[in-house]
């Protein structure tokens, strides 16, 4: 089904913990109960939610295997009156109780892993240049691809670029070097210490404090509110690592890293960059290839993250990653 604005807001309220039409109507007072009930009926019919209890006073729960792969129209993601969203601990706990086989079936069942191989020096050079450039560009860095190539291969800094931008590019290069030199750290026993070190390299000399954040962060152009407690951030980082470590399919592990660490926002900045680098590290460890997102439009990726942050639909991110690996 394609969500309209009312049905989307009803779904967001369900994701925030309201489990009945009465509870939802208290949060959406501008919409009458009958409209809310029609939206709930549509969501049940589509399989996105499950209905429980009596016909007079039903309650509803999320059907995550369906929710994770729903299509979200761009106009819904750009509609500014969306309900606020909060970190969905229920989703993380649900994923964590799945077996490795179940996780792989959800996220990697329809993609066959390439034969494991070792990247050549030239392939690693291409990946380093393209990933350093595109990942930085997605954060507003104005270095061009040619600028990046000259910096990383010849040590020539681009004119009219800031030291901050130059450092960001170099940090990506150093993060890739760390991955390649310590590839065994990105196997089936991935630890938070490793993720933390990767983030530290990404944020070096950029004014980003290393370690679990102690400040509140906000997501630009989103109504998503991440966790604020350092203790909860650390606990859920461990849950996310448990989910990734149970998966065996390289694509499953990569899409989980690409989505869940930016979703958690464990660090005060650099979370998406860390997620991108971690996803690459897991792929390089297992099948010897990475991805740069070179041809992915910035808006398309931003909307894909927004889909997951607010509606917990991973489908757009999954399609982007799949297109990168199968091109």
Protein backbone atom coordinates (compact mmCIF):
# COMPACT_ATOMS: atom_id res chain seq x y z
CA UNK A 1 0.00 0.00 0.00
CA UNK A 2 0.99 3.63 -0.47
CA UNK A 3 0.62 5.61 2.72
CA UNK A 4 -1.32 8.86 2.73
CA UNK A 5 -0.59 11.58 5.29
CA UNK A 6 -3.22 10.45 7.82
CA UNK A 7 -2.22 6.79 7.64
CA UNK A 8 1.45 7.74 7.93
CA UNK A 9 0.78 9.72 11.12
CA UNK A 10 -1.25 6.85 12.54
CA UNK A 11 1.66 4.49 11.84
CA UNK A 12 4.12 6.88 13.47
CA UNK A 13 1.96 6.99 16.61
CA UNK A 14 1.84 3.19 16.69
CA UNK A 15 5.63 3.11 16.44
CA UNK A 16 5.78 5.56 19.35
CA UNK A 17 3.81 3.16 21.55
CA UNK A 18 0.13 4.14 21.11
CA UNK A 19 -1.65 0.83 20.53
CA UNK A 20 -5.33 1.75 20.08
CA UNK A 21 -7.48 4.21 18.15
CA UNK A 22 -8.35 5.96 21.41
CA UNK A 23 -4.71 6.46 22.37
CA UNK A 24 -3.81 7.64 18.87
CA UNK A 25 -6.73 10.11 18.78
CA UNK A 26 -5.36 11.81 21.88
CA UNK A 27 -2.19 12.58 19.93
CA UNK A 28 -3.89 13.50 16.64
CA UNK A 29 -6.77 15.63 17.84
CA UNK A 30 -7.21 17.30 14.45
CA UNK A 31 -8.33 13.99 12.92
CA UNK A 32 -11.59 12.29 13.91
CA UNK A 33 -11.58 8.78 15.38
CA UNK A 34 -13.35 7.28 12.36
CA UNK A 35 -10.54 8.43 10.07
CA UNK A 36 -7.99 6.93 12.45
CA UNK A 37 -9.92 3.65 12.49
CA UNK A 38 -9.98 3.59 8.67
CA UNK A 39 -6.22 4.12 8.62
CA UNK A 40 -5.76 1.30 11.13
CA UNK A 41 -7.93 -0.99 8.99
CA UNK A 42 -5.79 -0.18 5.93
CA UNK A 43 -2.59 -0.91 7.85
CA UNK A 44 -4.01 -4.24 9.06
CA UNK A 45 -5.13 -5.17 5.54
CA UNK A 46 -1.66 -4.44 4.18
CA UNK A 47 -0.03 -6.58 6.88
CA UNK A 48 2.01 -3.73 8.34
CA UNK A 49 0.27 -4.07 11.72
CA UNK A 50 -1.56 -6.87 13.51
CA UNK A 51 -4.94 -6.53 15.22
CA UNK A 52 -5.63 -8.11 18.63
CA UNK A 53 -8.47 -8.37 21.14
CA UNK A 54 -12.19 -7.74 20.84
CA UNK A 55 -13.89 -6.02 17.93
CA UNK A 56 -15.03 -3.20 20.23
CA UNK A 57 -11.66 -2.43 21.80
CA UNK A 58 -8.91 -3.81 19.57
CA UNK A 59 -5.23 -3.14 20.07
CA UNK A 60 -2.50 -3.17 17.46
CA UNK A 61 1.12 -4.25 17.19
CA UNK A 62 3.76 -3.72 14.51
CA UNK A 63 4.55 -6.52 12.06
CA UNK A 64 8.25 -5.76 11.62
CA UNK A 65 9.04 -8.19 8.76
CA UNK A 66 6.50 -6.25 6.70
CA UNK A 67 7.24 -2.76 8.04
CA UNK A 68 10.96 -3.00 7.29
CA UNK A 69 10.28 -3.23 3.56
CA UNK A 70 7.39 -0.84 2.91
CA UNK A 71 7.57 1.78 0.17
CA UNK A 72 7.34 5.37 1.34
CA UNK A 73 6.35 8.12 -1.12
CA UNK A 74 8.71 11.07 -1.18
CA UNK A 75 5.86 13.46 -0.38
CA UNK A 76 5.26 11.64 2.93
CA UNK A 77 8.90 12.03 3.92
CA UNK A 78 8.84 15.73 3.01
CA UNK A 79 5.51 16.44 4.76
CA UNK A 80 6.51 18.74 7.63
CA UNK A 81 3.59 17.91 9.93
CA UNK A 82 4.76 14.36 10.60
CA UNK A 83 4.53 13.13 14.18
CA UNK A 84 7.71 13.10 16.26
CA UNK A 85 9.57 9.81 16.33
CA UNK A 86 11.77 8.32 19.01
CA UNK A 87 14.37 5.57 19.07
CA UNK A 88 12.52 2.27 18.68
CA UNK A 89 13.95 -0.03 21.33
CA UNK A 90 11.23 -2.55 20.47
CA UNK A 91 12.66 -2.89 16.95
CA UNK A 92 16.20 -3.44 18.24
CA UNK A 93 15.01 -6.00 20.80
CA UNK A 94 12.96 -7.79 18.13
CA UNK A 95 15.94 -7.98 15.78
CA UNK A 96 18.17 -9.17 18.61
CA UNK A 97 15.92 -12.11 19.44
CA UNK A 98 16.12 -13.42 15.86
CA UNK A 99 18.55 -16.19 14.95
CA UNK A 100 21.38 -15.55 12.51
CA UNK A 101 19.51 -17.55 9.87
CA UNK A 102 16.39 -15.43 10.34
CA UNK A 103 18.39 -12.21 10.08
CA UNK A 104 20.06 -13.39 6.88
CA UNK A 105 16.72 -14.42 5.39
CA UNK A 106 15.32 -10.95 6.09
CA UNK A 107 18.22 -8.87 4.80
CA UNK A 108 20.38 -10.98 2.51
CA UNK A 109 18.36 -13.92 1.22
CA UNK A 110 17.88 -12.55 -2.31
CA UNK A 111 21.48 -11.56 -3.02
CA UNK A 112 24.23 -14.05 -3.73
CA UNK A 113 27.61 -13.20 -2.28
CA UNK A 114 30.43 -12.75 -4.81
CA UNK A 115 33.33 -15.16 -4.52
CA UNK A 116 35.66 -14.07 -1.75
CA UNK A 117 38.67 -12.36 -3.21
CA UNK A 118 41.41 -9.97 -2.21
CA UNK A 119 41.31 -6.44 -3.60
CA UNK A 120 44.18 -5.53 -5.85
CA UNK A 121 46.23 -2.45 -5.01
CA UNK A 122 44.57 -0.56 -7.87
CA UNK A 123 41.06 -1.54 -6.71
CA UNK A 124 41.89 -0.39 -3.19
CA UNK A 125 43.20 2.90 -4.58
CA UNK A 126 39.96 3.47 -6.54
CA UNK A 127 37.83 2.67 -3.50
CA UNK A 128 39.88 4.93 -1.23
CA UNK A 129 39.59 7.91 -3.58
CA UNK A 130 35.92 7.47 -4.47
CA UNK A 131 34.71 6.64 -0.96
CA UNK A 132 36.74 9.43 0.65
CA UNK A 133 35.31 11.91 -1.85
CA UNK A 134 31.66 10.81 -1.85
CA UNK A 135 31.31 10.15 1.87
CA UNK A 136 32.77 13.61 2.55
CA UNK A 137 30.62 15.24 -0.15
CA UNK A 138 27.52 13.79 1.50
CA UNK A 139 28.52 15.82 4.58
CA UNK A 140 28.80 19.06 2.61
CA UNK A 141 32.50 18.84 1.73
CA UNK A 142 33.25 20.78 -1.49
CA UNK A 143 36.31 18.78 -2.61
CA UNK A 144 35.78 17.42 -6.13
CA UNK A 145 36.69 13.89 -7.13
CA UNK A 146 39.77 15.23 -8.94
CA UNK A 147 40.71 17.36 -5.90
CA UNK A 148 40.47 14.23 -3.77
CA UNK A 149 42.61 12.20 -6.14
CA UNK A 150 45.34 14.85 -6.16
CA UNK A 151 45.28 15.13 -2.37
CA UNK A 152 45.44 11.41 -1.68
CA UNK A 153 47.89 10.43 -4.41
CA UNK A 154 50.06 13.53 -4.78
CA UNK A 155 49.57 15.30 -1.44
CA UNK A 156 48.33 18.43 -3.23
CA UNK A 157 45.73 20.34 -1.21
CA UNK A 158 42.95 21.92 -3.23
CA UNK A 159 42.91 25.69 -3.45
CA UNK A 160 39.98 27.55 -1.93
CA UNK A 161 39.15 24.60 0.31
CA UNK A 162 39.27 24.74 4.10
CA UNK A 163 41.64 22.81 6.35
CA UNK A 164 38.51 21.20 7.81
CA UNK A 165 37.52 19.80 4.41
CA UNK A 166 41.04 18.60 3.73
CA UNK A 167 41.19 16.85 7.10
CA UNK A 168 37.85 15.14 6.49
CA UNK A 169 39.15 13.64 3.24
CA UNK A 170 42.39 12.49 4.89
CA UNK A 171 40.46 10.94 7.76
CA UNK A 172 38.55 8.74 5.34
CA UNK A 173 41.80 7.60 3.76
CA UNK A 174 43.20 6.77 7.20
CA UNK A 175 40.02 4.92 8.16
CA UNK A 176 40.28 2.73 5.07
CA UNK A 177 43.95 2.07 5.84
CA UNK A 178 42.98 1.07 9.39
CA UNK A 179 40.37 -1.33 8.03
CA UNK A 180 42.76 -3.00 5.60
CA UNK A 181 45.57 -3.25 8.15
CA UNK A 182 43.25 -4.67 10.84
CA UNK A 183 40.79 -6.60 8.69
CA UNK A 184 40.43 -9.44 11.24
CA UNK A 185 38.74 -6.99 13.64
CA UNK A 186 35.74 -6.88 11.28
CA UNK A 187 34.85 -10.57 11.38
CA UNK A 188 32.10 -12.31 13.33
CA UNK A 189 33.25 -10.92 16.67
CA UNK A 190 32.92 -7.21 15.97
CA UNK A 191 33.33 -5.17 19.17
CA UNK A 192 32.33 -1.66 20.18
CA UNK A 193 35.99 -0.87 20.78
CA UNK A 194 36.62 -1.42 17.06
CA UNK A 195 33.66 0.75 16.03
CA UNK A 196 34.82 3.40 18.49
CA UNK A 197 38.34 3.39 17.00
CA UNK A 198 36.91 3.72 13.49
CA UNK A 199 34.86 6.71 14.62
CA UNK A 200 37.88 8.25 16.32
CA UNK A 201 39.81 8.15 13.04
CA UNK A 202 36.84 9.58 11.11
CA UNK A 203 36.54 12.49 13.55
CA UNK A 204 40.24 13.22 14.06
CA UNK A 205 41.00 16.95 14.27
CA UNK A 206 37.42 17.88 13.29
CA UNK A 207 36.27 18.97 16.74
CA UNK A 208 34.36 15.72 17.35
CA UNK A 209 34.69 14.22 20.81
CA UNK A 210 35.45 10.47 20.68
CA UNK A 211 33.40 7.90 22.57
CA UNK A 212 29.74 7.69 23.50
CA UNK A 213 28.14 11.11 23.24
CA UNK A 214 27.04 13.01 26.32
CA UNK A 215 25.09 15.71 24.51
CA UNK A 216 21.68 15.73 22.82
CA UNK A 217 21.77 15.63 19.03
CA UNK A 218 19.16 16.46 16.43
CA UNK A 219 18.77 15.12 12.91
CA UNK A 220 18.49 17.80 10.23
CA UNK A 221 15.15 17.77 8.34
CA UNK A 222 13.82 14.95 10.50
CA UNK A 223 11.37 14.59 13.38
CA UNK A 224 13.41 11.70 14.78
CA UNK A 225 14.74 12.14 18.32
CA UNK A 226 17.65 9.77 19.17
CA UNK A 227 18.31 8.49 22.67
CA UNK A 228 19.94 10.96 25.05
CA UNK A 229 21.23 8.70 27.85
CA UNK A 230 24.90 7.62 27.47
CA UNK A 231 24.07 4.39 29.31
CA UNK A 232 21.22 3.53 26.93
CA UNK A 233 23.37 4.45 23.94
CA UNK A 234 26.08 2.03 25.09
CA UNK A 235 23.59 -0.74 25.88
CA UNK A 236 21.92 -0.46 22.48
CA UNK A 237 25.28 -0.33 20.72
CA UNK A 238 25.95 -3.76 22.21
CA UNK A 239 22.53 -4.99 21.05
CA UNK A 240 23.24 -3.77 17.53
CA UNK A 241 26.63 -5.50 17.54
CA UNK A 242 24.93 -8.69 18.71
CA UNK A 243 22.56 -8.49 15.73
CA UNK A 244 25.39 -7.90 13.25
CA UNK A 245 27.56 -10.64 14.73
CA UNK A 246 24.78 -13.24 14.45
CA UNK A 247 24.38 -12.60 10.72
CA UNK A 248 26.58 -14.55 8.32
CA UNK A 249 25.50 -13.13 4.95
CA UNK A 250 27.89 -10.27 4.05
CA UNK A 251 25.07 -8.16 2.64
CA UNK A 252 23.01 -8.59 5.82
CA UNK A 253 25.91 -7.47 7.98
CA UNK A 254 26.63 -4.48 5.75
CA UNK A 255 23.05 -3.18 5.56
CA UNK A 256 22.65 -3.54 9.33
CA UNK A 257 25.82 -1.51 9.93
CA UNK A 258 24.84 1.08 7.32
CA UNK A 259 21.43 1.62 8.94
CA UNK A 260 21.58 0.81 12.65
CA UNK A 261 24.64 2.79 13.77
CA UNK A 262 23.47 6.05 12.15
CA UNK A 263 20.03 5.33 13.65
CA UNK A 264 21.49 4.95 17.14
CA UNK A 265 23.59 8.14 16.83
CA UNK A 266 25.99 6.80 19.45
CA UNK A 267 28.53 9.56 18.77
CA UNK A 268 28.12 13.33 18.83
CA UNK A 269 28.91 13.57 15.09
CA UNK A 270 30.17 11.39 12.25
CA UNK A 271 27.62 8.61 12.76
CA UNK A 272 26.67 8.16 9.09
CA UNK A 273 30.33 8.28 8.07
CA UNK A 274 31.13 5.64 10.67
CA UNK A 275 28.22 3.51 9.44
CA UNK A 276 29.44 3.76 5.84
CA UNK A 277 33.00 2.87 6.77
CA UNK A 278 31.88 0.01 9.01
CA UNK A 279 29.66 -1.46 6.27
CA UNK A 280 32.64 -1.32 3.91
CA UNK A 281 34.90 -2.95 6.48
CA UNK A 282 32.48 -5.86 6.95
CA UNK A 283 32.26 -6.42 3.19
CA UNK A 284 36.02 -6.18 2.66
CA UNK A 285 36.53 -8.69 5.48
CA UNK A 286 34.09 -11.21 4.04
CA UNK A 287 34.09 -10.86 0.23
CA UNK A 288 36.96 -8.52 -0.53
CA UNK A 289 34.96 -5.66 -2.06
CA UNK A 290 33.61 -2.32 -0.86
CA UNK A 291 31.28 0.39 -2.13
CA UNK A 292 31.62 4.16 -2.55
CA UNK A 293 28.06 5.42 -3.24
CA UNK A 294 29.70 7.41 -6.06
CA UNK A 295 26.59 7.46 -8.28
CA UNK A 296 24.01 7.73 -5.49
CA UNK A 297 22.29 11.11 -5.34
CA UNK A 298 22.59 12.89 -1.99
CA UNK A 299 18.84 13.51 -1.76
CA UNK A 300 18.06 9.88 -2.51
CA UNK A 301 20.35 8.72 0.29
CA UNK A 302 18.98 11.36 2.70
CA UNK A 303 15.41 10.18 2.05
CA UNK A 304 16.49 6.57 2.51
CA UNK A 305 17.92 7.40 5.94
CA UNK A 306 14.77 9.37 6.77
CA UNK A 307 12.64 6.34 5.87
CA UNK A 308 14.53 4.26 8.40
CA UNK A 309 14.85 6.89 11.13
CA UNK A 310 11.15 7.72 11.22
CA UNK A 311 9.28 4.73 9.77
CA UNK A 312 11.86 1.97 10.29
CA UNK A 313 11.67 1.02 6.62
CA UNK A 314 15.08 -0.20 5.50
CA UNK A 315 14.01 -0.91 1.93
CA UNK A 316 15.46 2.22 0.28
CA UNK A 317 18.84 1.81 1.99
CA UNK A 318 18.87 -1.85 1.03
CA UNK A 319 18.17 -1.06 -2.64
CA UNK A 320 20.93 1.56 -2.69
CA UNK A 321 23.48 -0.85 -1.24
CA UNK A 322 22.38 -3.65 -3.55
CA UNK A 323 22.75 -1.42 -6.60
CA UNK A 324 26.28 -0.51 -5.45
CA UNK A 325 27.32 -4.15 -5.07
CA UNK A 326 25.67 -5.51 -8.21
CA UNK A 327 26.64 -2.76 -10.64
